[in-house]
Structures are given as structure tokens and as C-alpha cells.
Amino acid sequence: MSDLPLVLLHAYPVDARMWNSVREPLAERTRLITPDQRGLGRSPLPSGDTEPSLDHAAYDVVALLDRLGLDKVVLGGCSMGGYVTLAVLRLAPERVGGLVFIDTKAEADTDAARENRLAVARRAETEGVHGWLAESMLPNLLGETTRNRRPELVDHVRGLIEQQPPAGVAWAQRAMAARDDATDVLRSADVPSVVIVGEEDTVTPPEKARDLADILPRGELVVLPEAGHLTPLEAPEGVVDAVSRVLR
């Protein structure tokens, strides 16, 4: 068993159930903690919430560590979970003893990407998420191999998206749109680190992952074949093996 617990933060627009395929094998290696992020899954948006910011999500993580009495953990996340991991690293680097970045990046959004996020947030608030959000996102979230060969997984991810609260979807999009570039945070993260990416990821492609791994002082890149943006669902065995390298 690893001395440090492992905290994994899920992607948008799903919840902690995205870790179910890797949960058992990772829990055999260390204590595993997979919270739902605010507004998604079973985690409510705080009443009177302030302006959406991933800094608030980072405070949630640190508060969770405090409640659990954990001084230091291996911290990681997929996609948006990676952005929150970077925000925690900026807020409380002394709490992080290892890093796992899965299908994510350190750069801020382009202007076009930011506008798209804000448009999605507005639509979620006015129309809800049923009937359009999953269909618009599945081609980007799952690799071509998955979409062609694994209809049951496509349906599973569709179901996860359809179950997310519209207010949480809108909050997450606005928080991600407001995030700053975090490349500087990576340079100071001198802890064991792994960067995992699906070979078919078109959102944060392998070349982006390589840039991230190169910036990390102790970063290792793992590219998983026949997987897209949600590698813990598409290639769970490869993700478990890659994460285990940091736990060792």
C-alpha cells in the first residue's frame, strides 16, 4: 500500500462514477478518495455561491483533506479535474506529494473556447441539459474506437451527462472559462508526476500532454491507444498501471 492516499477529481460534465472502472484496483494500492465536485453528482452548489471560479473548487478539496485529517496526498484529475488539481497546487502545494494529470492541460481557454463555454452555461440554465448536451459532447469525450465498437460505454457516458444538474453544468463551464494559465504552477511541482492521455483524444491531444509532461520537473507521459478524452472509462487497465507508477 502507498503511504499517501490518492484523491481523484472527475471530468466535466460527469461525476465521480467515472472512476468506477479503476476504483477497485486502485483501492488495493492505497486509500482512494473520489469526491463529486460542487454542483455535479451528489455535491450541491453552496447557497449564495460567489462568482464561479476553480479556486472555490480548490478550497473544497483542501477543506475535504482537512476534514479527513490528511496532510498530504497524491492528487489528480481528468479534464476539469486536472484544472482543479492545478488550482489546488497553486493554493496549497504543501498538501500535494504526487500528481496525476489525465487528458487535461495547463493553458487557459482561447477566446473562442471561452465564449462557447459561456453559451453552454446559458443554454443549460434556460433549457436544462436533456437532449442536447450529451449529444454535443460525446464525439469529443470518447475516442473514435470507443464510439464505433463500444455502444454500451457510449450509452453509459450519455446517462452520466443526462443526470447532471443544469445549475452545476453552468457553474462548471463559467468556472473553467475564468481560469488562468497554470503553466507556472507546473514548473514548481517537484513531485512524482504522471500525465496520461488517450491516443484519440481530440480535446487535449497527445502533443498537449507531452508539453505538460515536459514542463513538470518529474513528469512521465503515458499515451493509451484506442482511447479518447475519458481514458479512465475507455482504458481503465492502462490508467491503473500509469497511476500506480506515482503511488510507488
Foldseek 3Di string as FASTA:
>chain_A
DFPAEEEEEEAPPFFQCLLVLQVVVVVVLHHYHGHGFEQWDPHHHDPPDDQQALLVSLVVVVVVCVVVVQQAHAYEYAALSNVNVLSVLVVPVRRYQEYEYALYFQAADDPVLLVVLQVLLVCCVVPNCPPPPLVVCLPQQKFPLCVVPPVVLSVVVSVRNNPGGSNSSSSSSSNSSPDHRRLVSQQPNQHAYEYEAECRRPVCHPVRSVVSQVNHPHYDYDYHYNTYRSCCSVPVVSSNVRVVVRSD
